[in-house]
Amino acid sequence: MHAAENTVIQGVASRDPERSKALNPITVHDSYDALINDSLIDAVYISLPNHLHWEWTVKALKAGKHVLCEKPFAMNTSEVELMIQTAKDCDRLLVEAVWARWHPRMVRAIELVKSGEIGQVLSIDASFTFPASIEGNYRLSPEMGGGALFDIGVYPLHAIAALVNEDSNFEIENCNANLGPTGIDLTTKWQMQINDSITANGLASFEMPEKQSFVISGEKKTITFIGDQAFTSWNSAGTLQIGDALEQFEAVDPYRVMIENFGRVIQGEEGWVLPLETSLWVQKAIDRVRSSSSS
């Protein structure tokens, strides 16, 4: 945020004032309420545990702030619908901070699919796995929105959602989850059928070797994200394979790109932000995957 051209960190609030100070804001607030009621603040970035997203998003919107909220947007579809309706009622910008969507390599892949260059999409395979060390972390708590699906499964689901229309129909055909001692999913694997024509496979795991992959297979060509950082490539060069051709991408900070686009849209300038319809589609998918894995 400090690196973004159009952003000033006016204030920060957290449970630990020292942690707030470490972010070098102009003001350290002693409560979340004080922050969202600061008249010098235009927008709020919410990075709280997942179960608190909807509550503080709604409060911030009602306080007149634009909101950039960390993924996953909320715990269920009803919460996301409430967030979206509040944003509309308050005429404020609300965006889910899935910064991988702003990465030039991801943008290019989506562009290739939408233009029809690879032909009709037949299948999508997306996975995000790593051996997580989450002792004492909220990610171990089901009540706080813990688990692999909520934490990293959002990336594959957003990648899948980026390639289809927001009104696309889908069914969860297969789903398996390995639950840990606290009740969270350590691994969730699923298969979706989208519009009766696209098979989409997703995998999220806290217990498998580190690997991020994204492969889009079309009638004419296949798009492959080369390397093991398909979704969280940050300040490192990347490669996209399109059929037999390779395209190179310079190192970029997609988080900064997200912040700058968010700021431009707030200021009435041209910029791109993740549509709320996409976030709603992803949340519906999360709900169905969770329901399928517990049935």
Foldseek 3Di string as FASTA:
>chain_A
DVPFPQDAQAEDEDCDQVVRVVVPHVYYDDDLVVVLLPPVAAADEADDQQACQLVSLLVSLVSNHAYEYEFPNHDFLVSLVVSVVSCVVSVHHYFYQLLLCQDPVLVVVLVCLVVCVQHAWAEKEWEFEAQDDAVVHCLLAVNRPHAFCRPPVLQLLLSVLSNDDLPKDKDWPDKAFDADPNGHTQKIWTWMQINVGYIYIYITHNRDHGFTWIWIHHPRWIKTWPDRCSRPQAQQKTWIQTHNDIDIGHHHHSSSLQVNLVSQVSVVHDHDGDDSSSSSSSSNVSVNNVVNNVD
